[in-house]
Amino acid sequence: MGRIPGSPTPDGRSPGQTTATSVVFDQWYRGYRDVVFAFLFHFCHNHQEAEDLLQETFLRAFRALEAGEEIREPRHWLVRVAYRIATDRWRRSRLLRWVGLTQLAREPEATSSDGDVAEREAIRTALRQLPHDQRACLVLREQEGMSYDEIASTLGLSLGAVKMKLMRARERFRLQYTAESDDIRQKGGSV
């Protein structure tokens, strides 16, 4: 028995909903994949893990679109979902290594001096010492260039909480980086 044209599909969706969902999803994926991947890579410092988290993020996005959820700021929504997925996985497994900035994750170039390599390692170590919520705020502000309001929206925090976490993250980072730099100098390296 055929379906009456224009009537809902057996799963309750209107006939054009799947197509419209796919179009929006494709636009989101093309437009935000790199941003979300970079954000995830900042935390796990593992390409494969970031890809897995990215896939799970976009799967949730597709499901939300199919369910008809209204998402006004897709970039912030996707980063918030990615943050929650990564945090949940980290809490469950305790295997993710949370680190910082993407450019620090790249392998040192052959022309990098020992000082450059030592400085990158000092920065990575200092970032790993930050609690993940402070690290998220710091990365979104310093690497992604988000405003305080955008960070608050993305992470689901109040503006005051973002300001406090950033202040604490910067102070803790400064102390950790100074201590790490001093250790490297004492071992004969340069920063």
C-alpha atoms as a PDB file:
ATOM      1  CA  MET A   1       0.000   0.000   0.000  1.00  0.00           C
ATOM      2  CA  GLY A   2       1.427   3.375  -1.009  1.00  0.00           C
ATOM      3  CA  ARG A   3       1.695   6.524   0.989  1.00  0.00           C
ATOM      4  CA  ILE A   4      -0.432   9.551   0.209  1.00  0.00           C
ATOM      5  CA  PRO A   5       1.824  12.257  -1.276  1.00  0.00           C
ATOM      6  CA  GLY A   6       2.685  14.893   1.312  1.00  0.00           C
ATOM      7  CA  SER A   7       1.695  12.722   4.273  1.00  0.00           C
ATOM      8  CA  PRO A   8       4.186  12.019   7.060  1.00  0.00           C
ATOM      9  CA  THR A   9       6.590   9.097   6.668  1.00  0.00           C
ATOM     10  CA  PRO A  10       6.116   6.056   8.959  1.00  0.00           C
ATOM     11  CA  ASP A  11       8.616   7.547  11.438  1.00  0.00           C
ATOM     12  CA  GLY A  12       6.558  10.769  11.652  1.00  0.00           C
ATOM     13  CA  ARG A  13       8.776  13.071   9.580  1.00  0.00           C
ATOM     14  CA  SER A  14       7.479  15.207   6.789  1.00  0.00           C
ATOM     15  CA  PRO A  15       8.710  14.165   3.319  1.00  0.00           C
ATOM     16  CA  GLY A  16      11.228  17.004   2.906  1.00  0.00           C
ATOM     17  CA  GLN A  17      12.580  16.897   6.448  1.00  0.00           C
ATOM     18  CA  THR A  18      15.306  14.327   5.760  1.00  0.00           C
ATOM     19  CA  THR A  19      16.539  16.231   2.724  1.00  0.00           C
ATOM     20  CA  ALA A  20      16.513  19.573   4.553  1.00  0.00           C
ATOM     21  CA  THR A  21      18.274  17.995   7.531  1.00  0.00           C
ATOM     22  CA  SER A  22      20.933  16.541   5.252  1.00  0.00           C
ATOM     23  CA  VAL A  23      21.529  19.881   3.544  1.00  0.00           C
ATOM     24  CA  VAL A  24      21.906  21.742   6.856  1.00  0.00           C
ATOM     25  CA  PHE A  25      24.079  18.976   8.248  1.00  0.00           C
ATOM     26  CA  ASP A  26      26.346  19.058   5.178  1.00  0.00           C
ATOM     27  CA  GLN A  27      26.679  22.840   5.522  1.00  0.00           C
ATOM     28  CA  TRP A  28      27.578  22.514   9.192  1.00  0.00           C
ATOM     29  CA  TYR A  29      30.066  19.757   8.548  1.00  0.00           C
ATOM     30  CA  ARG A  30      31.819  21.658   5.762  1.00  0.00           C
ATOM     31  CA  GLY A  31      31.711  24.938   7.673  1.00  0.00           C
ATOM     32  CA  TYR A  32      32.642  23.817  11.183  1.00  0.00           C
ATOM     33  CA  ARG A  33      34.546  20.545  10.884  1.00  0.00           C
ATOM     34  CA  ASP A  34      37.977  22.166  11.084  1.00  0.00           C
ATOM     35  CA  VAL A  35      37.048  24.416  14.018  1.00  0.00           C
ATOM     36  CA  VAL A  36      35.594  21.548  16.033  1.00  0.00           C
ATOM     37  CA  PHE A  37      38.480  19.233  15.157  1.00  0.00           C
ATOM     38  CA  ALA A  38      41.076  21.841  16.211  1.00  0.00           C
ATOM     39  CA  PHE A  39      39.241  22.375  19.485  1.00  0.00           C
ATOM     40  CA  LEU A  40      39.145  18.643  20.198  1.00  0.00           C
ATOM     41  CA  PHE A  41      42.757  18.150  19.203  1.00  0.00           C
ATOM     42  CA  HIS A  42      43.758  20.824  21.738  1.00  0.00           C
ATOM     43  CA  PHE A  43      42.481  18.568  24.461  1.00  0.00           C
ATOM     44  CA  CYS A  44      43.447  15.067  23.492  1.00  0.00           C
ATOM     45  CA  HIS A  45      46.620  15.721  21.459  1.00  0.00           C
ATOM     46  CA  ASN A  46      45.830  12.610  19.505  1.00  0.00           C
ATOM     47  CA  HIS A  47      44.668  12.774  15.907  1.00  0.00           C
ATOM     48  CA  GLN A  48      42.664   9.535  15.982  1.00  0.00           C
ATOM     49  CA  GLU A  49      40.989  10.362  19.288  1.00  0.00           C
ATOM     50  CA  ALA A  50      40.054  13.831  18.004  1.00  0.00           C
ATOM     51  CA  GLU A  51      38.585  12.248  14.846  1.00  0.00           C
ATOM     52  CA  ASP A  52      36.513   9.838  16.959  1.00  0.00           C
ATOM     53  CA  LEU A  53      35.229  12.685  19.120  1.00  0.00           C
ATOM     54  CA  LEU A  54      34.513  14.755  16.006  1.00  0.00           C
ATOM     55  CA  GLN A  55      32.444  11.919  14.554  1.00  0.00           C
ATOM     56  CA  GLU A  56      30.456  11.581  17.754  1.00  0.00           C
ATOM     57  CA  THR A  57      29.890  15.356  17.860  1.00  0.00           C
ATOM     58  CA  PHE A  58      28.499  15.460  14.335  1.00  0.00           C
ATOM     59  CA  LEU A  59      26.408  12.346  14.945  1.00  0.00           C
ATOM     60  CA  ARG A  60      24.746  14.162  17.842  1.00  0.00           C
ATOM     61  CA  ALA A  61      24.310  17.218  15.619  1.00  0.00           C
ATOM     62  CA  PHE A  62      22.552  15.136  12.959  1.00  0.00           C
ATOM     63  CA  ARG A  63      20.272  13.571  15.551  1.00  0.00           C
ATOM     64  CA  ALA A  64      19.431  16.999  16.973  1.00  0.00           C
ATOM     65  CA  LEU A  65      18.602  18.298  13.511  1.00  0.00           C
ATOM     66  CA  GLU A  66      16.442  15.263  12.767  1.00  0.00           C
ATOM     67  CA  ALA A  67      14.599  15.791  16.047  1.00  0.00           C
ATOM     68  CA  GLY A  68      13.836  19.341  14.960  1.00  0.00           C
ATOM     69  CA  GLU A  69      15.951  21.004  17.654  1.00  0.00           C
ATOM     70  CA  GLU A  70      16.388  24.712  16.938  1.00  0.00           C
ATOM     71  CA  ILE A  71      20.059  25.636  17.020  1.00  0.00           C
ATOM     72  CA  ARG A  72      20.711  29.345  16.558  1.00  0.00           C
ATOM     73  CA  GLU A  73      24.503  29.441  16.792  1.00  0.00           C
ATOM     74  CA  PRO A  74      25.790  26.184  15.277  1.00  0.00           C
ATOM     75  CA  ARG A  75      29.500  26.933  15.812  1.00  0.00           C
ATOM     76  CA  HIS A  76      29.055  27.502  19.548  1.00  0.00           C
ATOM     77  CA  TRP A  77      26.593  24.653  19.862  1.00  0.00           C
ATOM     78  CA  LEU A  78      28.957  22.211  18.135  1.00  0.00           C
ATOM     79  CA  VAL A  79      31.958  23.258  20.239  1.00  0.00           C
ATOM     80  CA  ARG A  80      29.858  22.948  23.412  1.00  0.00           C
ATOM     81  CA  VAL A  81      28.743  19.442  22.375  1.00  0.00           C
ATOM     82  CA  ALA A  82      32.335  18.522  21.501  1.00  0.00           C
ATOM     83  CA  TYR A  83      33.504  19.815  24.889  1.00  0.00           C
ATOM     84  CA  ARG A  84      30.887  17.778  26.724  1.00  0.00           C
ATOM     85  CA  ILE A  85      31.631  14.620  24.749  1.00  0.00           C
ATOM     86  CA  ALA A  86      35.371  14.993  25.308  1.00  0.00           C
ATOM     87  CA  THR A  87      34.873  15.728  29.006  1.00  0.00           C
ATOM     88  CA  ASP A  88      32.572  12.731  29.435  1.00  0.00           C
ATOM     89  CA  ARG A  89      35.017  10.447  27.669  1.00  0.00           C
ATOM     90  CA  TRP A  90      37.910  11.820  29.713  1.00  0.00           C
ATOM     91  CA  ARG A  91      36.025  11.259  32.939  1.00  0.00           C
ATOM     92  CA  ARG A  92      35.134   7.716  31.924  1.00  0.00           C
ATOM     93  CA  SER A  93      38.483   6.601  30.669  1.00  0.00           C
ATOM     94  CA  ARG A  94      41.021   8.955  32.259  1.00  0.00           C
ATOM     95  CA  LEU A  95      43.103   8.152  29.181  1.00  0.00           C
ATOM     96  CA  LEU A  96      42.855  11.472  27.371  1.00  0.00           C
ATOM     97  CA  ARG A  97      45.848  13.697  27.846  1.00  0.00           C
ATOM     98  CA  TRP A  98      44.596  17.253  27.975  1.00  0.00           C
ATOM     99  CA  VAL A  99      47.018  19.633  26.332  1.00  0.00           C
ATOM    100  CA  GLY A 100      46.933  23.000  24.726  1.00  0.00           C
ATOM    101  CA  LEU A 101      47.459  24.894  21.560  1.00  0.00           C
ATOM    102  CA  THR A 102      47.483  23.255  18.141  1.00  0.00           C
ATOM    103  CA  GLN A 103      50.710  24.816  16.978  1.00  0.00           C
ATOM    104  CA  LEU A 104      52.420  23.301  20.002  1.00  0.00           C
ATOM    105  CA  ALA A 105      51.168  19.857  19.033  1.00  0.00           C
ATOM    106  CA  ARG A 106      53.014  19.863  15.728  1.00  0.00           C
ATOM    107  CA  GLU A 107      56.308  18.090  15.517  1.00  0.00           C
ATOM    108  CA  PRO A 108      59.232  20.499  15.756  1.00  0.00           C
ATOM    109  CA  GLU A 109      60.646  21.458  12.394  1.00  0.00           C
ATOM    110  CA  ALA A 110      64.147  20.340  11.537  1.00  0.00           C
ATOM    111  CA  THR A 111      65.262  23.956  11.742  1.00  0.00           C
ATOM    112  CA  SER A 112      63.866  24.457  15.280  1.00  0.00           C
ATOM    113  CA  SER A 113      66.488  25.221  17.858  1.00  0.00           C
ATOM    114  CA  ASP A 114      66.744  23.258  21.079  1.00  0.00           C
ATOM    115  CA  GLY A 115      65.360  26.349  22.808  1.00  0.00           C
ATOM    116  CA  ASP A 116      62.228  26.316  20.643  1.00  0.00           C
ATOM    117  CA  VAL A 117      61.652  22.642  21.367  1.00  0.00           C
ATOM    118  CA  ALA A 118      62.248  23.181  25.088  1.00  0.00           C
ATOM    119  CA  GLU A 119      59.850  26.125  25.139  1.00  0.00           C
ATOM    120  CA  ARG A 120      57.114  24.115  23.414  1.00  0.00           C
ATOM    121  CA  GLU A 121      57.550  21.348  25.947  1.00  0.00           C
ATOM    122  CA  ALA A 122      57.426  23.844  28.828  1.00  0.00           C
ATOM    123  CA  ILE A 123      54.179  25.276  27.435  1.00  0.00           C
ATOM    124  CA  ARG A 124      52.652  21.808  26.924  1.00  0.00           C
ATOM    125  CA  THR A 125      53.577  20.780  30.443  1.00  0.00           C
ATOM    126  CA  ALA A 126      52.158  23.978  31.936  1.00  0.00           C
ATOM    127  CA  LEU A 127      48.909  23.539  30.001  1.00  0.00           C
ATOM    128  CA  ARG A 128      48.568  19.898  31.090  1.00  0.00           C
ATOM    129  CA  GLN A 129      48.657  21.097  34.706  1.00  0.00           C
ATOM    130  CA  LEU A 130      45.536  23.234  34.267  1.00  0.00           C
ATOM    131  CA  PRO A 131      42.138  21.810  35.192  1.00  0.00           C
ATOM    132  CA  HIS A 132      40.304  20.969  31.968  1.00  0.00           C
ATOM    133  CA  ASP A 133      37.615  23.643  32.455  1.00  0.00           C
ATOM    134  CA  GLN A 134      40.262  26.361  32.862  1.00  0.00           C
ATOM    135  CA  ARG A 135      42.189  24.941  29.910  1.00  0.00           C
ATOM    136  CA  ALA A 136      39.043  25.022  27.766  1.00  0.00           C
ATOM    137  CA  CYS A 137      38.443  28.690  28.585  1.00  0.00           C
ATOM    138  CA  LEU A 138      42.079  29.578  27.925  1.00  0.00           C
ATOM    139  CA  VAL A 139      42.218  27.736  24.602  1.00  0.00           C
ATOM    140  CA  LEU A 140      38.926  29.222  23.404  1.00  0.00           C
ATOM    141  CA  ARG A 141      40.082  32.731  24.319  1.00  0.00           C
ATOM    142  CA  GLU A 142      43.738  32.638  23.237  1.00  0.00           C
ATOM    143  CA  GLN A 143      43.689  30.167  20.346  1.00  0.00           C
ATOM    144  CA  GLU A 144      40.166  30.450  18.962  1.00  0.00           C
ATOM    145  CA  GLY A 145      39.859  34.182  19.690  1.00  0.00           C
ATOM    146  CA  MET A 146      36.404  33.895  21.242  1.00  0.00           C
ATOM    147  CA  SER A 147      34.984  36.733  23.326  1.00  0.00           C
ATOM    148  CA  TYR A 148      34.084  36.149  26.963  1.00  0.00           C
ATOM    149  CA  ASP A 149      30.394  36.073  25.987  1.00  0.00           C
ATOM    150  CA  GLU A 150      31.070  33.484  23.272  1.00  0.00           C
ATOM    151  CA  ILE A 151      33.023  31.296  25.705  1.00  0.00           C
ATOM    152  CA  ALA A 152      30.196  31.554  28.244  1.00  0.00           C
ATOM    153  CA  SER A 153      27.654  30.547  25.592  1.00  0.00           C
ATOM    154  CA  THR A 154      29.832  27.742  24.239  1.00  0.00           C
ATOM    155  CA  LEU A 155      30.636  26.148  27.588  1.00  0.00           C
ATOM    156  CA  GLY A 156      27.300  26.915  29.247  1.00  0.00           C
ATOM    157  CA  LEU A 157      28.870  29.102  31.938  1.00  0.00           C
ATOM    158  CA  SER A 158      28.036  32.518  33.310  1.00  0.00           C
ATOM    159  CA  LEU A 159      30.130  35.473  32.187  1.00  0.00           C
ATOM    160  CA  GLY A 160      31.494  35.817  35.712  1.00  0.00           C
ATOM    161  CA  ALA A 161      32.535  32.155  35.771  1.00  0.00           C
ATOM    162  CA  VAL A 162      34.392  32.563  32.468  1.00  0.00           C
ATOM    163  CA  LYS A 163      36.248  35.631  33.749  1.00  0.00           C
ATOM    164  CA  MET A 164      37.194  33.835  36.969  1.00  0.00           C
ATOM    165  CA  LYS A 165      38.327  30.659  35.178  1.00  0.00           C
ATOM    166  CA  LEU A 166      40.426  32.691  32.718  1.00  0.00           C
ATOM    167  CA  MET A 167      42.025  34.695  35.516  1.00  0.00           C
ATOM    168  CA  ARG A 168      42.862  31.520  37.423  1.00  0.00           C
ATOM    169  CA  ALA A 169      44.028  29.723  34.266  1.00  0.00           C
ATOM    170  CA  ARG A 170      46.380  32.555  33.322  1.00  0.00           C
ATOM    171  CA  GLU A 171      47.817  32.772  36.828  1.00  0.00           C
ATOM    172  CA  ARG A 172      48.249  29.017  37.164  1.00  0.00           C
ATOM    173  CA  PHE A 173      49.725  28.790  33.666  1.00  0.00           C
ATOM    174  CA  ARG A 174      52.203  31.582  34.444  1.00  0.00           C
ATOM    175  CA  LEU A 175      53.344  29.836  37.637  1.00  0.00           C
ATOM    176  CA  GLN A 176      53.591  26.411  35.960  1.00  0.00           C
ATOM    177  CA  TYR A 177      55.376  27.775  32.914  1.00  0.00           C
ATOM    178  CA  THR A 178      57.893  29.680  35.064  1.00  0.00           C
ATOM    179  CA  ALA A 179      58.597  26.574  37.152  1.00  0.00           C
ATOM    180  CA  GLU A 180      58.937  24.391  34.045  1.00  0.00           C
ATOM    181  CA  SER A 181      61.210  26.917  32.351  1.00  0.00           C
ATOM    182  CA  ASP A 182      63.415  27.052  35.446  1.00  0.00           C
ATOM    183  CA  ASP A 183      63.657  23.239  35.477  1.00  0.00           C
ATOM    184  CA  ILE A 184      64.714  23.190  31.827  1.00  0.00           C
ATOM    185  CA  ARG A 185      67.364  25.868  32.419  1.00  0.00           C
ATOM    186  CA  GLN A 186      68.746  23.930  35.380  1.00  0.00           C
ATOM    187  CA  LYS A 187      69.031  20.820  33.211  1.00  0.00           C
ATOM    188  CA  GLY A 188      71.073  22.743  30.691  1.00  0.00           C
ATOM    189  CA  GLY A 189      68.382  23.537  28.125  1.00  0.00           C
ATOM    190  CA  SER A 190      67.198  26.951  27.103  1.00  0.00           C
ATOM    191  CA  VAL A 191      63.765  28.514  26.997  1.00  0.00           C
END
